[in-house]
Structure formats: C-alpha cells, structure tokens
Amino acid sequence: MGSQIADFDLLKRISEVSGGAFYPASDTSAIPPFPELPERQLTRRSELALFDYPAVLIVFMVAICAEWILRRKYQLL
C-alpha cells in the first residue's frame, strides 16, 4: 500500500480558485475567527382544506349525525 501525502500546493490552488483559504493542520492559530452569522430558521407549513373534498365532508356529516342519533337513543342529550 502506498502512503498518502497531502499536496499542499494543490490544496492552496483549489482554495484560491474557490475563493477560500488554506490552512495546514499544524498552523491552526492562523485561522481567523468566524464572524457572527445571523441565526436562520426554516419553517415548513402545509395546509389541507378538508372541506374541499366532498367525500371527507360526507364522512364528517355522517359521523356527526351518528353521534346525535346515539345520544338521542341513550338519552344523553
């Protein structure tokens, strides 16, 4: 197996082309502190209009009617 050696010149060129900077692991003190980034929050919301679907409306109405009939039958009104 061959040993893997970092090509620092290549890494520096890649970072320059991409607009970044290259710092070797042995020189971490040269890394500038990161600026305070504003906190971002992502909220995903979806809505389903149940009464736009006639079948759902019919099932809902049947359930309400069944409850009313059962309450009336067992005198729970």
PDB file of N, CA and C in Angstrom:
ATOM      1  N   MET A   1       0.836  -1.183   0.000  1.00  0.00           N
ATOM      2  CA  MET A   1       0.000   0.000   0.000  1.00  0.00           C
ATOM      3  C   MET A   1       0.876   1.240   0.000  1.00  0.00           C
ATOM      4  N   GLY A   2       0.480   2.195  -0.805  1.00  0.00           N
ATOM      5  CA  GLY A   2       1.231   3.440  -0.864  1.00  0.00           C
ATOM      6  C   GLY A   2       0.780   4.388   0.232  1.00  0.00           C
ATOM      7  N   SER A   3       1.692   5.235   0.652  1.00  0.00           N
ATOM      8  CA  SER A   3       1.326   6.201   1.684  1.00  0.00           C
ATOM      9  C   SER A   3       0.668   7.405   1.030  1.00  0.00           C
ATOM     10  N   GLN A   4      -0.189   8.041   1.766  1.00  0.00           N
ATOM     11  CA  GLN A   4      -0.890   9.205   1.246  1.00  0.00           C
ATOM     12  C   GLN A   4      -0.259  10.454   1.833  1.00  0.00           C
ATOM     13  N   ILE A   5       0.191  11.345   0.958  1.00  0.00           N
ATOM     14  CA  ILE A   5       0.814  12.590   1.378  1.00  0.00           C
ATOM     15  C   ILE A   5      -0.005  13.726   0.783  1.00  0.00           C
ATOM     16  N   ALA A   6      -0.334  14.713   1.618  1.00  0.00           N
ATOM     17  CA  ALA A   6      -1.128  15.844   1.149  1.00  0.00           C
ATOM     18  C   ALA A   6      -0.306  16.709   0.212  1.00  0.00           C
ATOM     19  N   ASP A   7      -0.910  17.125  -0.868  1.00  0.00           N
ATOM     20  CA  ASP A   7      -0.275  18.027  -1.826  1.00  0.00           C
ATOM     21  C   ASP A   7      -0.721  19.446  -1.461  1.00  0.00           C
ATOM     22  N   PHE A   8       0.086  20.118  -0.594  1.00  0.00           N
ATOM     23  CA  PHE A   8      -0.299  21.425  -0.082  1.00  0.00           C
ATOM     24  C   PHE A   8      -0.412  22.471  -1.181  1.00  0.00           C
ATOM     25  N   ASP A   9       0.429  22.391  -2.200  1.00  0.00           N
ATOM     26  CA  ASP A   9       0.332  23.362  -3.303  1.00  0.00           C
ATOM     27  C   ASP A   9      -1.006  23.226  -4.031  1.00  0.00           C
ATOM     28  N   LEU A  10      -1.413  21.994  -4.275  1.00  0.00           N
ATOM     29  CA  LEU A  10      -2.693  21.763  -4.934  1.00  0.00           C
ATOM     30  C   LEU A  10      -3.844  22.253  -4.065  1.00  0.00           C
ATOM     31  N   LEU A  11      -3.798  21.981  -2.779  1.00  0.00           N
ATOM     32  CA  LEU A  11      -4.854  22.423  -1.869  1.00  0.00           C
ATOM     33  C   LEU A  11      -4.931  23.949  -1.813  1.00  0.00           C
ATOM     34  N   LYS A  12      -3.781  24.623  -1.823  1.00  0.00           N
ATOM     35  CA  LYS A  12      -3.774  26.088  -1.819  1.00  0.00           C
ATOM     36  C   LYS A  12      -4.387  26.637  -3.105  1.00  0.00           C
ATOM     37  N   ARG A  13      -4.065  26.031  -4.250  1.00  0.00           N
ATOM     38  CA  ARG A  13      -4.618  26.488  -5.526  1.00  0.00           C
ATOM     39  C   ARG A  13      -6.133  26.295  -5.566  1.00  0.00           C
ATOM     40  N   ILE A  14      -6.584  25.139  -5.075  1.00  0.00           N
ATOM     41  CA  ILE A  14      -8.034  24.872  -5.047  1.00  0.00           C
ATOM     42  C   ILE A  14      -8.744  25.907  -4.179  1.00  0.00           C
ATOM     43  N   SER A  15      -8.178  26.207  -3.013  1.00  0.00           N
ATOM     44  CA  SER A  15      -8.830  27.169  -2.122  1.00  0.00           C
ATOM     45  C   SER A  15      -8.824  28.566  -2.720  1.00  0.00           C
ATOM     46  N   GLU A  16      -7.770  28.935  -3.432  1.00  0.00           N
ATOM     47  CA  GLU A  16      -7.724  30.261  -4.064  1.00  0.00           C
ATOM     48  C   GLU A  16      -8.749  30.369  -5.184  1.00  0.00           C
ATOM     49  N   VAL A  17      -8.870  29.316  -5.994  1.00  0.00           N
ATOM     50  CA  VAL A  17      -9.818  29.328  -7.101  1.00  0.00           C
ATOM     51  C   VAL A  17     -11.254  29.386  -6.593  1.00  0.00           C
ATOM     52  N   SER A  18     -11.530  28.711  -5.484  1.00  0.00           N
ATOM     53  CA  SER A  18     -12.895  28.668  -4.964  1.00  0.00           C
ATOM     54  C   SER A  18     -13.217  29.844  -4.057  1.00  0.00           C
ATOM     55  N   GLY A  19     -12.238  30.737  -3.842  1.00  0.00           N
ATOM     56  CA  GLY A  19     -12.499  31.914  -3.022  1.00  0.00           C
ATOM     57  C   GLY A  19     -12.286  31.671  -1.545  1.00  0.00           C
ATOM     58  N   GLY A  20     -11.632  30.606  -1.196  1.00  0.00           N
ATOM     59  CA  GLY A  20     -11.395  30.287   0.204  1.00  0.00           C
ATOM     60  C   GLY A  20      -9.943  30.482   0.583  1.00  0.00           C
ATOM     61  N   ALA A  21      -9.555  29.892   1.666  1.00  0.00           N
ATOM     62  CA  ALA A  21      -8.179  29.964   2.134  1.00  0.00           C
ATOM     63  C   ALA A  21      -7.784  28.599   2.662  1.00  0.00           C
ATOM     64  N   PHE A  22      -6.503  28.298   2.549  1.00  0.00           N
ATOM     65  CA  PHE A  22      -5.998  27.001   3.004  1.00  0.00           C
ATOM     66  C   PHE A  22      -5.107  27.215   4.216  1.00  0.00           C
ATOM     67  N   TYR A  23      -5.351  26.436   5.267  1.00  0.00           N
ATOM     68  CA  TYR A  23      -4.536  26.464   6.464  1.00  0.00           C
ATOM     69  C   TYR A  23      -4.163  25.026   6.801  1.00  0.00           C
ATOM     70  N   PRO A  24      -2.875  24.724   6.893  1.00  0.00           N
ATOM     71  CA  PRO A  24      -2.491  23.369   7.260  1.00  0.00           C
ATOM     72  C   PRO A  24      -2.860  23.092   8.719  1.00  0.00           C
ATOM     73  N   ALA A  25      -3.006  21.840   9.060  1.00  0.00           N
ATOM     74  CA  ALA A  25      -3.409  21.447  10.413  1.00  0.00           C
ATOM     75  C   ALA A  25      -2.374  21.872  11.447  1.00  0.00           C
ATOM     76  N   SER A  26      -1.134  22.018  11.042  1.00  0.00           N
ATOM     77  CA  SER A  26      -0.093  22.405  12.001  1.00  0.00           C
ATOM     78  C   SER A  26      -0.123  23.899  12.306  1.00  0.00           C
ATOM     79  N   ASP A  27      -0.893  24.692  11.539  1.00  0.00           N
ATOM     80  CA  ASP A  27      -0.924  26.136  11.724  1.00  0.00           C
ATOM     81  C   ASP A  27      -2.353  26.622  11.953  1.00  0.00           C
ATOM     82  N   THR A  28      -3.044  26.026  12.894  1.00  0.00           N
ATOM     83  CA  THR A  28      -4.435  26.393  13.144  1.00  0.00           C
ATOM     84  C   THR A  28      -4.569  27.756  13.803  1.00  0.00           C
ATOM     85  N   SER A  29      -3.496  28.278  14.399  1.00  0.00           N
ATOM     86  CA  SER A  29      -3.581  29.592  15.044  1.00  0.00           C
ATOM     87  C   SER A  29      -3.726  30.708  14.007  1.00  0.00           C
ATOM     88  N   ALA A  30      -3.417  30.442  12.754  1.00  0.00           N
ATOM     89  CA  ALA A  30      -3.518  31.456  11.706  1.00  0.00           C
ATOM     90  C   ALA A  30      -4.938  31.594  11.169  1.00  0.00           C
ATOM     91  N   ILE A  31      -5.826  30.697  11.553  1.00  0.00           N
ATOM     92  CA  ILE A  31      -7.202  30.751  11.058  1.00  0.00           C
ATOM     93  C   ILE A  31      -7.919  31.917  11.727  1.00  0.00           C
ATOM     94  N   PRO A  32      -8.465  32.839  10.953  1.00  0.00           N
ATOM     95  CA  PRO A  32      -9.177  33.978  11.560  1.00  0.00           C
ATOM     96  C   PRO A  32     -10.491  33.508  12.175  1.00  0.00           C
ATOM     97  N   PRO A  33     -10.968  34.226  13.197  1.00  0.00           N
ATOM     98  CA  PRO A  33     -12.253  33.832  13.797  1.00  0.00           C
ATOM     99  C   PRO A  33     -13.391  34.069  12.814  1.00  0.00           C
ATOM    100  N   PHE A  34     -14.404  33.234  12.909  1.00  0.00           N
ATOM    101  CA  PHE A  34     -15.568  33.377  12.040  1.00  0.00           C
ATOM    102  C   PHE A  34     -16.416  34.540  12.517  1.00  0.00           C
ATOM    103  N   PRO A  35     -16.963  35.300  11.595  1.00  0.00           N
ATOM    104  CA  PRO A  35     -17.869  36.390  12.006  1.00  0.00           C
ATOM    105  C   PRO A  35     -19.155  35.790  12.563  1.00  0.00           C
ATOM    106  N   GLU A  36     -19.821  36.577  13.369  1.00  0.00           N
ATOM    107  CA  GLU A  36     -21.094  36.126  13.918  1.00  0.00           C
ATOM    108  C   GLU A  36     -22.116  36.066  12.792  1.00  0.00           C
ATOM    109  N   LEU A  37     -22.625  34.918  12.538  1.00  0.00           N
ATOM    110  CA  LEU A  37     -23.611  34.747  11.481  1.00  0.00           C
ATOM    111  C   LEU A  37     -25.012  34.848  12.074  1.00  0.00           C
ATOM    112  N   PRO A  38     -25.908  35.500  11.384  1.00  0.00           N
ATOM    113  CA  PRO A  38     -27.276  35.576  11.911  1.00  0.00           C
ATOM    114  C   PRO A  38     -27.919  34.193  11.910  1.00  0.00           C
ATOM    115  N   GLU A  39     -28.695  33.936  12.930  1.00  0.00           N
ATOM    116  CA  GLU A  39     -29.366  32.646  13.039  1.00  0.00           C
ATOM    117  C   GLU A  39     -30.510  32.595  12.040  1.00  0.00           C
ATOM    118  N   ARG A  40     -30.559  31.495  11.294  1.00  0.00           N
ATOM    119  CA  ARG A  40     -31.621  31.316  10.306  1.00  0.00           C
ATOM    120  C   ARG A  40     -32.545  30.214  10.783  1.00  0.00           C
ATOM    121  N   GLN A  41     -33.790  30.422  10.555  1.00  0.00           N
ATOM    122  CA  GLN A  41     -34.776  29.443  10.962  1.00  0.00           C
ATOM    123  C   GLN A  41     -35.648  29.109   9.756  1.00  0.00           C
ATOM    124  N   LEU A  42     -35.840  27.839   9.533  1.00  0.00           N
ATOM    125  CA  LEU A  42     -36.652  27.395   8.413  1.00  0.00           C
ATOM    126  C   LEU A  42     -37.936  26.792   8.958  1.00  0.00           C
ATOM    127  N   THR A  43     -39.044  27.303   8.482  1.00  0.00           N
ATOM    128  CA  THR A  43     -40.346  26.785   8.895  1.00  0.00           C
ATOM    129  C   THR A  43     -41.068  26.292   7.654  1.00  0.00           C
ATOM    130  N   ARG A  44     -41.501  25.061   7.724  1.00  0.00           N
ATOM    131  CA  ARG A  44     -42.247  24.496   6.604  1.00  0.00           C
ATOM    132  C   ARG A  44     -43.671  24.243   7.084  1.00  0.00           C
ATOM    133  N   ARG A  45     -44.610  24.720   6.322  1.00  0.00           N
ATOM    134  CA  ARG A  45     -46.006  24.609   6.724  1.00  0.00           C
ATOM    135  C   ARG A  45     -46.822  24.133   5.536  1.00  0.00           C
ATOM    136  N   SER A  46     -47.716  23.226   5.805  1.00  0.00           N
ATOM    137  CA  SER A  46     -48.611  22.774   4.743  1.00  0.00           C
ATOM    138  C   SER A  46     -50.033  22.741   5.294  1.00  0.00           C
ATOM    139  N   GLU A  47     -50.960  23.022   4.431  1.00  0.00           N
ATOM    140  CA  GLU A  47     -52.364  23.049   4.821  1.00  0.00           C
ATOM    141  C   GLU A  47     -53.156  22.146   3.893  1.00  0.00           C
ATOM    142  N   LEU A  48     -54.150  21.507   4.465  1.00  0.00           N
ATOM    143  CA  LEU A  48     -55.038  20.653   3.695  1.00  0.00           C
ATOM    144  C   LEU A  48     -56.462  21.087   4.007  1.00  0.00           C
ATOM    145  N   ALA A  49     -57.135  21.597   3.036  1.00  0.00           N
ATOM    146  CA  ALA A  49     -58.509  22.043   3.218  1.00  0.00           C
ATOM    147  C   ALA A  49     -59.422  20.822   3.115  1.00  0.00           C
ATOM    148  N   LEU A  50     -59.832  20.297   4.265  1.00  0.00           N
ATOM    149  CA  LEU A  50     -60.610  19.060   4.290  1.00  0.00           C
ATOM    150  C   LEU A  50     -61.968  19.213   3.621  1.00  0.00           C
ATOM    151  N   PHE A  51     -62.580  20.380   3.770  1.00  0.00           N
ATOM    152  CA  PHE A  51     -63.922  20.530   3.254  1.00  0.00           C
ATOM    153  C   PHE A  51     -63.945  20.839   1.759  1.00  0.00           C
ATOM    154  N   ASP A  52     -62.804  20.864   1.117  1.00  0.00           N
ATOM    155  CA  ASP A  52     -62.761  20.985  -0.333  1.00  0.00           C
ATOM    156  C   ASP A  52     -62.977  19.633  -1.004  1.00  0.00           C
ATOM    157  N   TYR A  53     -62.977  18.591  -0.190  1.00  0.00           N
ATOM    158  CA  TYR A  53     -63.178  17.238  -0.703  1.00  0.00           C
ATOM    159  C   TYR A  53     -64.558  16.754  -0.259  1.00  0.00           C
ATOM    160  N   PRO A  54     -65.483  16.544  -1.186  1.00  0.00           N
ATOM    161  CA  PRO A  54     -66.854  16.173  -0.822  1.00  0.00           C
ATOM    162  C   PRO A  54     -66.928  14.877  -0.011  1.00  0.00           C
ATOM    163  N   ALA A  55     -66.101  13.891  -0.293  1.00  0.00           N
ATOM    164  CA  ALA A  55     -66.148  12.625   0.433  1.00  0.00           C
ATOM    165  C   ALA A  55     -65.821  12.837   1.908  1.00  0.00           C
ATOM    166  N   VAL A  56     -64.853  13.687   2.207  1.00  0.00           N
ATOM    167  CA  VAL A  56     -64.488  13.959   3.597  1.00  0.00           C
ATOM    168  C   VAL A  56     -65.627  14.690   4.290  1.00  0.00           C
ATOM    169  N   LEU A  57     -66.243  15.610   3.598  1.00  0.00           N
ATOM    170  CA  LEU A  57     -67.373  16.332   4.174  1.00  0.00           C
ATOM    171  C   LEU A  57     -68.528  15.378   4.479  1.00  0.00           C
ATOM    172  N   ILE A  58     -68.807  14.447   3.584  1.00  0.00           N
ATOM    173  CA  ILE A  58     -69.888  13.472   3.792  1.00  0.00           C
ATOM    174  C   ILE A  58     -69.576  12.578   4.987  1.00  0.00           C
ATOM    175  N   VAL A  59     -68.341  12.085   5.078  1.00  0.00           N
ATOM    176  CA  VAL A  59     -67.957  11.237   6.223  1.00  0.00           C
ATOM    177  C   VAL A  59     -68.092  12.025   7.525  1.00  0.00           C
ATOM    178  N   PHE A  60     -67.664  13.262   7.529  1.00  0.00           N
ATOM    179  CA  PHE A  60     -67.769  14.094   8.722  1.00  0.00           C
ATOM    180  C   PHE A  60     -69.229  14.278   9.124  1.00  0.00           C
ATOM    181  N   MET A  61     -70.091  14.577   8.163  1.00  0.00           N
ATOM    182  CA  MET A  61     -71.508  14.784   8.455  1.00  0.00           C
ATOM    183  C   MET A  61     -72.171  13.499   8.943  1.00  0.00           C
ATOM    184  N   VAL A  62     -71.814  12.359   8.361  1.00  0.00           N
ATOM    185  CA  VAL A  62     -72.371  11.074   8.806  1.00  0.00           C
ATOM    186  C   VAL A  62     -71.944  10.799  10.245  1.00  0.00           C
ATOM    187  N   ALA A  63     -70.687  11.096  10.583  1.00  0.00           N
ATOM    188  CA  ALA A  63     -70.207  10.872  11.951  1.00  0.00           C
ATOM    189  C   ALA A  63     -70.955  11.761  12.938  1.00  0.00           C
ATOM    190  N   ILE A  64     -71.167  13.004  12.590  1.00  0.00           N
ATOM    191  CA  ILE A  64     -71.907  13.922  13.470  1.00  0.00           C
ATOM    192  C   ILE A  64     -73.352  13.442  13.644  1.00  0.00           C
ATOM    193  N   CYS A  65     -73.977  13.017  12.562  1.00  0.00           N
ATOM    194  CA  CYS A  65     -75.358  12.520  12.645  1.00  0.00           C
ATOM    195  C   CYS A  65     -75.430  11.242  13.480  1.00  0.00           C
ATOM    196  N   ALA A  66     -74.478  10.349  13.296  1.00  0.00           N
ATOM    197  CA  ALA A  66     -74.469   9.102  14.073  1.00  0.00           C
ATOM    198  C   ALA A  66     -74.313   9.409  15.556  1.00  0.00           C
ATOM    199  N   GLU A  67     -73.453  10.350  15.891  1.00  0.00           N
ATOM    200  CA  GLU A  67     -73.292  10.712  17.293  1.00  0.00           C
ATOM    201  C   GLU A  67     -74.586  11.281  17.847  1.00  0.00           C
ATOM    202  N   TRP A  68     -75.265  12.134  17.100  1.00  0.00           N
ATOM    203  CA  TRP A  68     -76.511  12.734  17.553  1.00  0.00           C
ATOM    204  C   TRP A  68     -77.583  11.668  17.755  1.00  0.00           C
ATOM    205  N   ILE A  69     -77.674  10.711  16.818  1.00  0.00           N
ATOM    206  CA  ILE A  69     -78.661   9.630  16.928  1.00  0.00           C
ATOM    207  C   ILE A  69     -78.381   8.769  18.158  1.00  0.00           C
ATOM    208  N   LEU A  70     -77.112   8.426  18.387  1.00  0.00           N
ATOM    209  CA  LEU A  70     -76.771   7.607  19.561  1.00  0.00           C
ATOM    210  C   LEU A  70     -77.054   8.357  20.856  1.00  0.00           C
ATOM    211  N   ARG A  71     -76.731   9.635  20.919  1.00  0.00           N
ATOM    212  CA  ARG A  71     -77.016  10.407  22.115  1.00  0.00           C
ATOM    213  C   ARG A  71     -78.535  10.483  22.390  1.00  0.00           C
ATOM    214  N   ARG A  72     -79.301  10.632  21.319  1.00  0.00           N
ATOM    215  CA  ARG A  72     -80.752  10.709  21.480  1.00  0.00           C
ATOM    216  C   ARG A  72     -81.320   9.365  21.918  1.00  0.00           C
ATOM    217  N   LYS A  73     -80.784   8.266  21.342  1.00  0.00           N
ATOM    218  CA  LYS A  73     -81.266   6.939  21.677  1.00  0.00           C
ATOM    219  C   LYS A  73     -81.012   6.609  23.144  1.00  0.00           C
ATOM    220  N   TYR A  74     -79.838   6.955  23.634  1.00  0.00           N
ATOM    221  CA  TYR A  74     -79.477   6.648  25.017  1.00  0.00           C
ATOM    222  C   TYR A  74     -79.759   7.820  25.945  1.00  0.00           C
ATOM    223  N   GLN A  75     -80.517   8.770  25.507  1.00  0.00           N
ATOM    224  CA  GLN A  75     -80.963   9.912  26.284  1.00  0.00           C
ATOM    225  C   GLN A  75     -79.789  10.641  26.953  1.00  0.00           C
ATOM    226  N   LEU A  76     -78.775  10.933  26.155  1.00  0.00           N
ATOM    227  CA  LEU A  76     -77.594  11.632  26.660  1.00  0.00           C
ATOM    228  C   LEU A  76     -77.589  13.102  26.227  1.00  0.00           C
ATOM    229  N   LEU A  77     -78.702  13.579  25.701  1.00  0.00           N
ATOM    230  CA  LEU A  77     -78.761  14.979  25.260  1.00  0.00           C
ATOM    231  C   LEU A  77     -78.978  15.900  26.414  1.00  0.00           C
TER     232      LEU A  77
END
